[in-house]
Structures are given as structure tokens and as C-alpha cells.
Amino acid sequence: MESDEEYQGKMASAVLKAIADTSLVEIDGTATAYIRSADACDALITALAVIMEGAPQCRTRKGMKAMAEAAGRNLLTMMREMEKLRAETDANAFAATVIYPS
């Protein structure tokens, strides 16, 4: 059986691939993943709610709140780690070019 880290890495890669594949648009004849961050985040939150609601520890409101708060703390920690990586290496956590709307 694979480690938790390997499993989580595979899962994250599959989710990111699904987002990129769903976001493909053609720009100047080239297929480009144009990821609408707010829509992607809403979809991820919906998927997360479906998965978390079915977890045994979420059978009560107290359990739901505790799990949601833990997920929020983990998200913030990961975002800070990615920010630090970008500042130290000038690289993104995954290969991407950010295009900001004008």
C-alpha cells in the first residue's frame, strides 16, 4: 500500500489535471488552460463538502465544524508554503503562467 503522501500527491495531481482539462480554451490556435480561480475554488469547495459530509467524524454539527476548521488551517498553511517557495525560488508550486485580467 502506498503512503499517505503518495496517495495525496496522486489525488492532487488528478484534481489539478481535471481542472486544467475542463478549463481548456483555444487562444490564437493554441489550447490553453484558462482557469477561472473563483469558479475553480467554488467547485473544489462543493466537492470537499460532499466528501467531508460523509466522513464519520462529521456526523454531528460539532464534528463538522472541527473538520472544516482543520481543513481551513491546512489550506492556509499550504498557501503560505507555496508563497514561501515562490519567494525563495521564483517558481510556482506547479508549472503555470499566471495571466491577470486587465
PDB file of N, CA and C in Angstrom:
ATOM      1  N   MET A   1       0.851  -1.189   0.000  1.00  0.00           N
ATOM      2  CA  MET A   1       0.000   0.000   0.000  1.00  0.00           C
ATOM      3  C   MET A   1       0.891   1.245   0.000  1.00  0.00           C
ATOM      4  N   GLU A   2       0.475   2.262  -0.753  1.00  0.00           N
ATOM      5  CA  GLU A   2       1.271   3.483  -0.839  1.00  0.00           C
ATOM      6  C   GLU A   2       1.102   4.347   0.408  1.00  0.00           C
ATOM      7  N   SER A   3       2.056   5.246   0.624  1.00  0.00           N
ATOM      8  CA  SER A   3       1.997   6.120   1.792  1.00  0.00           C
ATOM      9  C   SER A   3       0.914   7.174   1.602  1.00  0.00           C
ATOM     10  N   ASP A   4       0.541   7.801   2.718  1.00  0.00           N
ATOM     11  CA  ASP A   4      -0.452   8.876   2.654  1.00  0.00           C
ATOM     12  C   ASP A   4       0.020   9.990   1.726  1.00  0.00           C
ATOM     13  N   GLU A   5       1.313  10.317   1.791  1.00  0.00           N
ATOM     14  CA  GLU A   5       1.862  11.389   0.965  1.00  0.00           C
ATOM     15  C   GLU A   5       1.759  11.050  -0.522  1.00  0.00           C
ATOM     16  N   GLU A   6       2.056   9.803  -0.869  1.00  0.00           N
ATOM     17  CA  GLU A   6       1.955   9.373  -2.274  1.00  0.00           C
ATOM     18  C   GLU A   6       0.505   9.422  -2.739  1.00  0.00           C
ATOM     19  N   TYR A   7      -0.393   8.929  -1.915  1.00  0.00           N
ATOM     20  CA  TYR A   7      -1.820   8.926  -2.244  1.00  0.00           C
ATOM     21  C   TYR A   7      -2.325  10.361  -2.430  1.00  0.00           C
ATOM     22  N   GLN A   8      -1.972  11.239  -1.488  1.00  0.00           N
ATOM     23  CA  GLN A   8      -2.408  12.630  -1.579  1.00  0.00           C
ATOM     24  C   GLN A   8      -1.832  13.310  -2.814  1.00  0.00           C
ATOM     25  N   GLY A   9      -0.584  13.003  -3.151  1.00  0.00           N
ATOM     26  CA  GLY A   9       0.032  13.568  -4.349  1.00  0.00           C
ATOM     27  C   GLY A   9      -0.689  13.139  -5.607  1.00  0.00           C
ATOM     28  N   LYS A  10      -1.033  11.841  -5.695  1.00  0.00           N
ATOM     29  CA  LYS A  10      -1.783  11.343  -6.849  1.00  0.00           C
ATOM     30  C   LYS A  10      -3.153  12.000  -6.934  1.00  0.00           C
ATOM     31  N   MET A  11      -3.806  12.124  -5.793  1.00  0.00           N
ATOM     32  CA  MET A  11      -5.136  12.722  -5.756  1.00  0.00           C
ATOM     33  C   MET A  11      -5.074  14.191  -6.187  1.00  0.00           C
ATOM     34  N   ALA A  12      -4.109  14.931  -5.655  1.00  0.00           N
ATOM     35  CA  ALA A  12      -3.973  16.351  -6.013  1.00  0.00           C
ATOM     36  C   ALA A  12      -3.668  16.502  -7.496  1.00  0.00           C
ATOM     37  N   SER A  13      -2.798  15.652  -8.025  1.00  0.00           N
ATOM     38  CA  SER A  13      -2.465  15.715  -9.453  1.00  0.00           C
ATOM     39  C   SER A  13      -3.692  15.454 -10.311  1.00  0.00           C
ATOM     40  N   ALA A  14      -4.503  14.475  -9.916  1.00  0.00           N
ATOM     41  CA  ALA A  14      -5.712  14.154 -10.679  1.00  0.00           C
ATOM     42  C   ALA A  14      -6.710  15.314 -10.654  1.00  0.00           C
ATOM     43  N   VAL A  15      -6.867  15.944  -9.500  1.00  0.00           N
ATOM     44  CA  VAL A  15      -7.792  17.074  -9.377  1.00  0.00           C
ATOM     45  C   VAL A  15      -7.297  18.256 -10.219  1.00  0.00           C
ATOM     46  N   LEU A  16      -5.995  18.575 -10.119  1.00  0.00           N
ATOM     47  CA  LEU A  16      -5.446  19.680 -10.912  1.00  0.00           C
ATOM     48  C   LEU A  16      -5.555  19.399 -12.406  1.00  0.00           C
ATOM     49  N   LYS A  17      -5.330  18.150 -12.822  1.00  0.00           N
ATOM     50  CA  LYS A  17      -5.463  17.788 -14.232  1.00  0.00           C
ATOM     51  C   LYS A  17      -6.902  17.975 -14.691  1.00  0.00           C
ATOM     52  N   ALA A  18      -7.860  17.555 -13.858  1.00  0.00           N
ATOM     53  CA  ALA A  18      -9.273  17.717 -14.209  1.00  0.00           C
ATOM     54  C   ALA A  18      -9.633  19.191 -14.363  1.00  0.00           C
ATOM     55  N   ILE A  19      -9.122  20.036 -13.478  1.00  0.00           N
ATOM     56  CA  ILE A  19      -9.384  21.475 -13.578  1.00  0.00           C
ATOM     57  C   ILE A  19      -8.774  22.041 -14.854  1.00  0.00           C
ATOM     58  N   ALA A  20      -7.525  21.673 -15.128  1.00  0.00           N
ATOM     59  CA  ALA A  20      -6.861  22.175 -16.338  1.00  0.00           C
ATOM     60  C   ALA A  20      -7.581  21.688 -17.593  1.00  0.00           C
ATOM     61  N   ASP A  21      -7.945  20.404 -17.637  1.00  0.00           N
ATOM     62  CA  ASP A  21      -8.633  19.851 -18.802  1.00  0.00           C
ATOM     63  C   ASP A  21      -9.983  20.531 -19.033  1.00  0.00           C
ATOM     64  N   THR A  22     -10.703  20.783 -17.941  1.00  0.00           N
ATOM     65  CA  THR A  22     -12.007  21.428 -18.035  1.00  0.00           C
ATOM     66  C   THR A  22     -11.880  22.889 -18.455  1.00  0.00           C
ATOM     67  N   SER A  23     -10.737  23.486 -18.198  1.00  0.00           N
ATOM     68  CA  SER A  23     -10.515  24.914 -18.451  1.00  0.00           C
ATOM     69  C   SER A  23      -9.867  25.202 -19.798  1.00  0.00           C
ATOM     70  N   LEU A  24      -9.696  24.179 -20.636  1.00  0.00           N
ATOM     71  CA  LEU A  24      -9.032  24.401 -21.920  1.00  0.00           C
ATOM     72  C   LEU A  24      -9.864  25.286 -22.848  1.00  0.00           C
ATOM     73  N   VAL A  25      -9.221  26.298 -23.364  1.00  0.00           N
ATOM     74  CA  VAL A  25      -9.805  27.167 -24.383  1.00  0.00           C
ATOM     75  C   VAL A  25      -8.755  27.354 -25.470  1.00  0.00           C
ATOM     76  N   GLU A  26      -9.209  27.759 -26.633  1.00  0.00           N
ATOM     77  CA  GLU A  26      -8.260  27.995 -27.717  1.00  0.00           C
ATOM     78  C   GLU A  26      -7.957  29.493 -27.789  1.00  0.00           C
ATOM     79  N   ILE A  27      -6.676  29.820 -27.692  1.00  0.00           N
ATOM     80  CA  ILE A  27      -6.220  31.207 -27.801  1.00  0.00           C
ATOM     81  C   ILE A  27      -5.180  31.251 -28.903  1.00  0.00           C
ATOM     82  N   ASP A  28      -5.491  31.991 -29.960  1.00  0.00           N
ATOM     83  CA  ASP A  28      -4.587  32.103 -31.112  1.00  0.00           C
ATOM     84  C   ASP A  28      -4.162  30.737 -31.645  1.00  0.00           C
ATOM     85  N   GLY A  29      -5.109  29.810 -31.709  1.00  0.00           N
ATOM     86  CA  GLY A  29      -4.826  28.494 -32.261  1.00  0.00           C
ATOM     87  C   GLY A  29      -4.122  27.539 -31.321  1.00  0.00           C
ATOM     88  N   THR A  30      -3.923  27.949 -30.067  1.00  0.00           N
ATOM     89  CA  THR A  30      -3.235  27.102 -29.101  1.00  0.00           C
ATOM     90  C   THR A  30      -4.173  26.778 -27.942  1.00  0.00           C
ATOM     91  N   ALA A  31      -4.255  25.496 -27.594  1.00  0.00           N
ATOM     92  CA  ALA A  31      -5.068  25.097 -26.446  1.00  0.00           C
ATOM     93  C   ALA A  31      -4.385  25.591 -25.177  1.00  0.00           C
ATOM     94  N   THR A  32      -5.124  26.361 -24.407  1.00  0.00           N
ATOM     95  CA  THR A  32      -4.586  26.972 -23.199  1.00  0.00           C
ATOM     96  C   THR A  32      -5.556  26.723 -22.050  1.00  0.00           C
ATOM     97  N   ALA A  33      -5.029  26.376 -20.895  1.00  0.00           N
ATOM     98  CA  ALA A  33      -5.873  26.217 -19.712  1.00  0.00           C
ATOM     99  C   ALA A  33      -6.094  27.592 -19.102  1.00  0.00           C
ATOM    100  N   TYR A  34      -7.287  28.108 -19.264  1.00  0.00           N
ATOM    101  CA  TYR A  34      -7.662  29.403 -18.702  1.00  0.00           C
ATOM    102  C   TYR A  34      -8.504  29.110 -17.462  1.00  0.00           C
ATOM    103  N   ILE A  35      -7.841  29.082 -16.318  1.00  0.00           N
ATOM    104  CA  ILE A  35      -8.503  28.679 -15.079  1.00  0.00           C
ATOM    105  C   ILE A  35      -9.124  29.895 -14.403  1.00  0.00           C
ATOM    106  N   ARG A  36     -10.425  29.847 -14.265  1.00  0.00           N
ATOM    107  CA  ARG A  36     -11.145  30.913 -13.561  1.00  0.00           C
ATOM    108  C   ARG A  36     -11.107  30.556 -12.078  1.00  0.00           C
ATOM    109  N   SER A  37     -10.238  31.237 -11.350  1.00  0.00           N
ATOM    110  CA  SER A  37      -9.937  30.875  -9.956  1.00  0.00           C
ATOM    111  C   SER A  37     -11.168  30.784  -9.075  1.00  0.00           C
ATOM    112  N   ALA A  38     -12.041  31.779  -9.142  1.00  0.00           N
ATOM    113  CA  ALA A  38     -13.217  31.771  -8.263  1.00  0.00           C
ATOM    114  C   ALA A  38     -14.108  30.574  -8.564  1.00  0.00           C
ATOM    115  N   ASP A  39     -14.331  30.278  -9.851  1.00  0.00           N
ATOM    116  CA  ASP A  39     -15.159  29.131 -10.218  1.00  0.00           C
ATOM    117  C   ASP A  39     -14.495  27.819  -9.804  1.00  0.00           C
ATOM    118  N   ALA A  40     -13.186  27.714 -10.007  1.00  0.00           N
ATOM    119  CA  ALA A  40     -12.464  26.503  -9.616  1.00  0.00           C
ATOM    120  C   ALA A  40     -12.546  26.307  -8.099  1.00  0.00           C
ATOM    121  N   CYS A  41     -12.378  27.390  -7.339  1.00  0.00           N
ATOM    122  CA  CYS A  41     -12.459  27.294  -5.871  1.00  0.00           C
ATOM    123  C   CYS A  41     -13.860  26.874  -5.426  1.00  0.00           C
ATOM    124  N   ASP A  42     -14.898  27.441  -6.037  1.00  0.00           N
ATOM    125  CA  ASP A  42     -16.268  27.054  -5.686  1.00  0.00           C
ATOM    126  C   ASP A  42     -16.508  25.573  -5.974  1.00  0.00           C
ATOM    127  N   ALA A  43     -16.003  25.087  -7.112  1.00  0.00           N
ATOM    128  CA  ALA A  43     -16.165  23.672  -7.455  1.00  0.00           C
ATOM    129  C   ALA A  43     -15.421  22.786  -6.457  1.00  0.00           C
ATOM    130  N   LEU A  44     -14.219  23.200  -6.079  1.00  0.00           N
ATOM    131  CA  LEU A  44     -13.447  22.426  -5.102  1.00  0.00           C
ATOM    132  C   LEU A  44     -14.136  22.403  -3.740  1.00  0.00           C
ATOM    133  N   ILE A  45     -14.705  23.526  -3.338  1.00  0.00           N
ATOM    134  CA  ILE A  45     -15.409  23.588  -2.052  1.00  0.00           C
ATOM    135  C   ILE A  45     -16.637  22.685  -2.080  1.00  0.00           C
ATOM    136  N   THR A  46     -17.349  22.666  -3.206  1.00  0.00           N
ATOM    137  CA  THR A  46     -18.505  21.786  -3.340  1.00  0.00           C
ATOM    138  C   THR A  46     -18.078  20.328  -3.218  1.00  0.00           C
ATOM    139  N   ALA A  47     -17.018  19.955  -3.947  1.00  0.00           N
ATOM    140  CA  ALA A  47     -16.524  18.576  -3.881  1.00  0.00           C
ATOM    141  C   ALA A  47     -16.056  18.242  -2.466  1.00  0.00           C
ATOM    142  N   LEU A  48     -15.364  19.162  -1.830  1.00  0.00           N
ATOM    143  CA  LEU A  48     -14.873  18.954  -0.470  1.00  0.00           C
ATOM    144  C   LEU A  48     -16.040  18.770   0.505  1.00  0.00           C
ATOM    145  N   ALA A  49     -17.081  19.568   0.369  1.00  0.00           N
ATOM    146  CA  ALA A  49     -18.245  19.447   1.251  1.00  0.00           C
ATOM    147  C   ALA A  49     -18.905  18.074   1.102  1.00  0.00           C
ATOM    148  N   VAL A  50     -19.024  17.589  -0.132  1.00  0.00           N
ATOM    149  CA  VAL A  50     -19.619  16.276  -0.372  1.00  0.00           C
ATOM    150  C   VAL A  50     -18.793  15.187   0.304  1.00  0.00           C
ATOM    151  N   ILE A  51     -17.470  15.262   0.134  1.00  0.00           N
ATOM    152  CA  ILE A  51     -16.582  14.248   0.716  1.00  0.00           C
ATOM    153  C   ILE A  51     -16.567  14.348   2.243  1.00  0.00           C
ATOM    154  N   MET A  52     -16.415  15.562   2.764  1.00  0.00           N
ATOM    155  CA  MET A  52     -16.302  15.728   4.217  1.00  0.00           C
ATOM    156  C   MET A  52     -17.599  15.375   4.933  1.00  0.00           C
ATOM    157  N   GLU A  53     -18.745  15.682   4.334  1.00  0.00           N
ATOM    158  CA  GLU A  53     -20.021  15.421   4.984  1.00  0.00           C
ATOM    159  C   GLU A  53     -20.203  13.916   5.233  1.00  0.00           C
ATOM    160  N   GLY A  54     -19.617  13.096   4.369  1.00  0.00           N
ATOM    161  CA  GLY A  54     -19.750  11.655   4.523  1.00  0.00           C
ATOM    162  C   GLY A  54     -18.766  11.038   5.503  1.00  0.00           C
ATOM    163  N   ALA A  55     -17.833  11.820   6.006  1.00  0.00           N
ATOM    164  CA  ALA A  55     -16.833  11.293   6.938  1.00  0.00           C
ATOM    165  C   ALA A  55     -17.490  11.003   8.292  1.00  0.00           C
ATOM    166  N   PRO A  56     -17.084   9.909   8.933  1.00  0.00           N
ATOM    167  CA  PRO A  56     -17.688   9.546  10.221  1.00  0.00           C
ATOM    168  C   PRO A  56     -17.603  10.657  11.268  1.00  0.00           C
ATOM    169  N   GLN A  57     -16.497  11.411  11.289  1.00  0.00           N
ATOM    170  CA  GLN A  57     -16.363  12.458  12.299  1.00  0.00           C
ATOM    171  C   GLN A  57     -17.297  13.645  12.042  1.00  0.00           C
ATOM    172  N   CYS A  58     -17.993  13.646  10.916  1.00  0.00           N
ATOM    173  CA  CYS A  58     -18.908  14.750  10.595  1.00  0.00           C
ATOM    174  C   CYS A  58     -20.368  14.374  10.817  1.00  0.00           C
ATOM    175  N   ARG A  59     -20.612  13.423  11.680  1.00  0.00           N
ATOM    176  CA  ARG A  59     -21.989  13.001  11.964  1.00  0.00           C
ATOM    177  C   ARG A  59     -22.717  14.003  12.861  1.00  0.00           C
ATOM    178  N   THR A  60     -21.954  14.892  13.471  1.00  0.00           N
ATOM    179  CA  THR A  60     -22.551  15.920  14.326  1.00  0.00           C
ATOM    180  C   THR A  60     -22.124  17.297  13.830  1.00  0.00           C
ATOM    181  N   ARG A  61     -22.870  18.309  14.219  1.00  0.00           N
ATOM    182  CA  ARG A  61     -22.507  19.689  13.868  1.00  0.00           C
ATOM    183  C   ARG A  61     -21.146  20.049  14.439  1.00  0.00           C
ATOM    184  N   LYS A  62     -20.876  19.612  15.664  1.00  0.00           N
ATOM    185  CA  LYS A  62     -19.590  19.877  16.301  1.00  0.00           C
ATOM    186  C   LYS A  62     -18.463  19.232  15.494  1.00  0.00           C
ATOM    187  N   GLY A  63     -18.678  18.012  15.048  1.00  0.00           N
ATOM    188  CA  GLY A  63     -17.677  17.323  14.239  1.00  0.00           C
ATOM    189  C   GLY A  63     -17.463  18.011  12.901  1.00  0.00           C
ATOM    190  N   MET A  64     -18.564  18.451  12.280  1.00  0.00           N
ATOM    191  CA  MET A  64     -18.455  19.186  11.012  1.00  0.00           C
ATOM    192  C   MET A  64     -17.627  20.446  11.184  1.00  0.00           C
ATOM    193  N   LYS A  65     -17.920  21.186  12.253  1.00  0.00           N
ATOM    194  CA  LYS A  65     -17.202  22.434  12.498  1.00  0.00           C
ATOM    195  C   LYS A  65     -15.719  22.174  12.732  1.00  0.00           C
ATOM    196  N   ALA A  66     -15.403  21.167  13.529  1.00  0.00           N
ATOM    197  CA  ALA A  66     -13.999  20.848  13.827  1.00  0.00           C
ATOM    198  C   ALA A  66     -13.256  20.459  12.550  1.00  0.00           C
ATOM    199  N   MET A  67     -13.885  19.646  11.700  1.00  0.00           N
ATOM    200  CA  MET A  67     -13.224  19.214  10.471  1.00  0.00           C
ATOM    201  C   MET A  67     -13.066  20.383   9.497  1.00  0.00           C
ATOM    202  N   ALA A  68     -14.071  21.243   9.385  1.00  0.00           N
ATOM    203  CA  ALA A  68     -13.987  22.400   8.497  1.00  0.00           C
ATOM    204  C   ALA A  68     -12.897  23.367   8.971  1.00  0.00           C
ATOM    205  N   GLU A  69     -12.796  23.572  10.276  1.00  0.00           N
ATOM    206  CA  GLU A  69     -11.754  24.455  10.804  1.00  0.00           C
ATOM    207  C   GLU A  69     -10.357  23.872  10.566  1.00  0.00           C
ATOM    208  N   ALA A  70     -10.212  22.563  10.741  1.00  0.00           N
ATOM    209  CA  ALA A  70      -8.922  21.917  10.482  1.00  0.00           C
ATOM    210  C   ALA A  70      -8.552  22.034   9.003  1.00  0.00           C
ATOM    211  N   ALA A  71      -9.536  21.855   8.126  1.00  0.00           N
ATOM    212  CA  ALA A  71      -9.285  21.992   6.681  1.00  0.00           C
ATOM    213  C   ALA A  71      -8.859  23.419   6.343  1.00  0.00           C
ATOM    214  N   GLY A  72      -9.489  24.395   6.969  1.00  0.00           N
ATOM    215  CA  GLY A  72      -9.125  25.793   6.745  1.00  0.00           C
ATOM    216  C   GLY A  72      -7.701  26.095   7.191  1.00  0.00           C
ATOM    217  N   ARG A  73      -7.324  25.549   8.357  1.00  0.00           N
ATOM    218  CA  ARG A  73      -5.946  25.747   8.839  1.00  0.00           C
ATOM    219  C   ARG A  73      -4.942  25.097   7.888  1.00  0.00           C
ATOM    220  N   ASN A  74      -5.254  23.886   7.422  1.00  0.00           N
ATOM    221  CA  ASN A  74      -4.365  23.200   6.483  1.00  0.00           C
ATOM    222  C   ASN A  74      -4.233  23.982   5.183  1.00  0.00           C
ATOM    223  N   LEU A  75      -5.327  24.523   4.688  1.00  0.00           N
ATOM    224  CA  LEU A  75      -5.302  25.311   3.458  1.00  0.00           C
ATOM    225  C   LEU A  75      -4.399  26.533   3.622  1.00  0.00           C
ATOM    226  N   LEU A  76      -4.552  27.246   4.717  1.00  0.00           N
ATOM    227  CA  LEU A  76      -3.732  28.428   4.963  1.00  0.00           C
ATOM    228  C   LEU A  76      -2.252  28.065   5.066  1.00  0.00           C
ATOM    229  N   THR A  77      -1.948  26.973   5.752  1.00  0.00           N
ATOM    230  CA  THR A  77      -0.561  26.513   5.866  1.00  0.00           C
ATOM    231  C   THR A  77       0.021  26.201   4.492  1.00  0.00           C
ATOM    232  N   MET A  78      -0.727  25.493   3.664  1.00  0.00           N
ATOM    233  CA  MET A  78      -0.243  25.135   2.327  1.00  0.00           C
ATOM    234  C   MET A  78      -0.044  26.373   1.456  1.00  0.00           C
ATOM    235  N   MET A  79      -0.965  27.319   1.545  1.00  0.00           N
ATOM    236  CA  MET A  79      -0.835  28.553   0.762  1.00  0.00           C
ATOM    237  C   MET A  79       0.408  29.329   1.177  1.00  0.00           C
ATOM    238  N   ARG A  80       0.682  29.383   2.476  1.00  0.00           N
ATOM    239  CA  ARG A  80       1.882  30.075   2.960  1.00  0.00           C
ATOM    240  C   ARG A  80       3.151  29.366   2.489  1.00  0.00           C
ATOM    241  N   GLU A  81       3.129  28.025   2.467  1.00  0.00           N
ATOM    242  CA  GLU A  81       4.282  27.269   1.982  1.00  0.00           C
ATOM    243  C   GLU A  81       4.525  27.543   0.497  1.00  0.00           C
ATOM    244  N   MET A  82       3.460  27.624  -0.286  1.00  0.00           N
ATOM    245  CA  MET A  82       3.601  27.925  -1.709  1.00  0.00           C
ATOM    246  C   MET A  82       4.117  29.342  -1.931  1.00  0.00           C
ATOM    247  N   GLU A  83       3.629  30.276  -1.117  1.00  0.00           N
ATOM    248  CA  GLU A  83       4.101  31.656  -1.188  1.00  0.00           C
ATOM    249  C   GLU A  83       5.598  31.719  -0.877  1.00  0.00           C
ATOM    250  N   LYS A  84       6.021  30.981   0.140  1.00  0.00           N
ATOM    251  CA  LYS A  84       7.437  30.944   0.524  1.00  0.00           C
ATOM    252  C   LYS A  84       8.280  30.327  -0.590  1.00  0.00           C
ATOM    253  N   LEU A  85       7.798  29.239  -1.190  1.00  0.00           N
ATOM    254  CA  LEU A  85       8.504  28.605  -2.305  1.00  0.00           C
ATOM    255  C   LEU A  85       8.690  29.587  -3.456  1.00  0.00           C
ATOM    256  N   ARG A  86       7.634  30.304  -3.789  1.00  0.00           N
ATOM    257  CA  ARG A  86       7.701  31.273  -4.888  1.00  0.00           C
ATOM    258  C   ARG A  86       8.693  32.385  -4.565  1.00  0.00           C
ATOM    259  N   ALA A  87       8.701  32.863  -3.326  1.00  0.00           N
ATOM    260  CA  ALA A  87       9.613  33.936  -2.925  1.00  0.00           C
ATOM    261  C   ALA A  87      11.067  33.466  -2.936  1.00  0.00           C
ATOM    262  N   GLU A  88      11.313  32.224  -2.526  1.00  0.00           N
ATOM    263  CA  GLU A  88      12.681  31.711  -2.440  1.00  0.00           C
ATOM    264  C   GLU A  88      13.248  31.274  -3.781  1.00  0.00           C
ATOM    265  N   THR A  89      12.389  30.752  -4.646  1.00  0.00           N
ATOM    266  CA  THR A  89      12.888  30.150  -5.889  1.00  0.00           C
ATOM    267  C   THR A  89      12.387  30.838  -7.149  1.00  0.00           C
ATOM    268  N   ASP A  90      11.457  31.770  -6.999  1.00  0.00           N
ATOM    269  CA  ASP A  90      10.802  32.421  -8.139  1.00  0.00           C
ATOM    270  C   ASP A  90      10.087  31.390  -9.007  1.00  0.00           C
ATOM    271  N   ALA A  91       9.630  30.305  -8.378  1.00  0.00           N
ATOM    272  CA  ALA A  91       8.914  29.247  -9.093  1.00  0.00           C
ATOM    273  C   ALA A  91       7.554  29.036  -8.442  1.00  0.00           C
ATOM    274  N   ASN A  92       6.591  28.627  -9.255  1.00  0.00           N
ATOM    275  CA  ASN A  92       5.276  28.287  -8.735  1.00  0.00           C
ATOM    276  C   ASN A  92       5.298  26.874  -8.183  1.00  0.00           C
ATOM    277  N   ALA A  93       4.302  26.536  -7.382  1.00  0.00           N
ATOM    278  CA  ALA A  93       4.206  25.191  -6.827  1.00  0.00           C
ATOM    279  C   ALA A  93       3.981  24.160  -7.935  1.00  0.00           C
ATOM    280  N   PHE A  94       3.379  24.569  -9.027  1.00  0.00           N
ATOM    281  CA  PHE A  94       3.265  23.713 -10.205  1.00  0.00           C
ATOM    282  C   PHE A  94       3.497  24.588 -11.429  1.00  0.00           C
ATOM    283  N   ALA A  95       3.867  23.957 -12.524  1.00  0.00           N
ATOM    284  CA  ALA A  95       4.246  24.691 -13.735  1.00  0.00           C
ATOM    285  C   ALA A  95       3.033  25.436 -14.299  1.00  0.00           C
ATOM    286  N   ALA A  96       3.060  26.752 -14.201  1.00  0.00           N
ATOM    287  CA  ALA A  96       1.954  27.546 -14.722  1.00  0.00           C
ATOM    288  C   ALA A  96       2.404  28.982 -14.910  1.00  0.00           C
ATOM    289  N   THR A  97       1.757  29.641 -15.823  1.00  0.00           N
ATOM    290  CA  THR A  97       1.949  31.068 -16.002  1.00  0.00           C
ATOM    291  C   THR A  97       0.646  31.739 -15.618  1.00  0.00           C
ATOM    292  N   VAL A  98       0.709  32.668 -14.717  1.00  0.00           N
ATOM    293  CA  VAL A  98      -0.500  33.365 -14.271  1.00  0.00           C
ATOM    294  C   VAL A  98      -0.729  34.545 -15.205  1.00  0.00           C
ATOM    295  N   ILE A  99      -1.936  34.626 -15.739  1.00  0.00           N
ATOM    296  CA  ILE A  99      -2.322  35.741 -16.591  1.00  0.00           C
ATOM    297  C   ILE A  99      -3.404  36.505 -15.844  1.00  0.00           C
ATOM    298  N   TYR A 100      -3.100  37.735 -15.489  1.00  0.00           N
ATOM    299  CA  TYR A 100      -4.052  38.544 -14.749  1.00  0.00           C
ATOM    300  C   TYR A 100      -4.920  39.315 -15.735  1.00  0.00           C
ATOM    301  N   PRO A 101      -6.235  39.302 -15.522  1.00  0.00           N
ATOM    302  CA  PRO A 101      -7.117  40.059 -16.430  1.00  0.00           C
ATOM    303  C   PRO A 101      -6.827  41.545 -16.330  1.00  0.00           C
ATOM    304  N   SER A 102      -6.930  42.210 -17.428  1.00  0.00           N
ATOM    305  CA  SER A 102      -6.647  43.664 -17.420  1.00  0.00           C
ATOM    306  C   SER A 102      -7.912  44.460 -17.237  1.00  0.00           C
TER     307      SER A 102
END
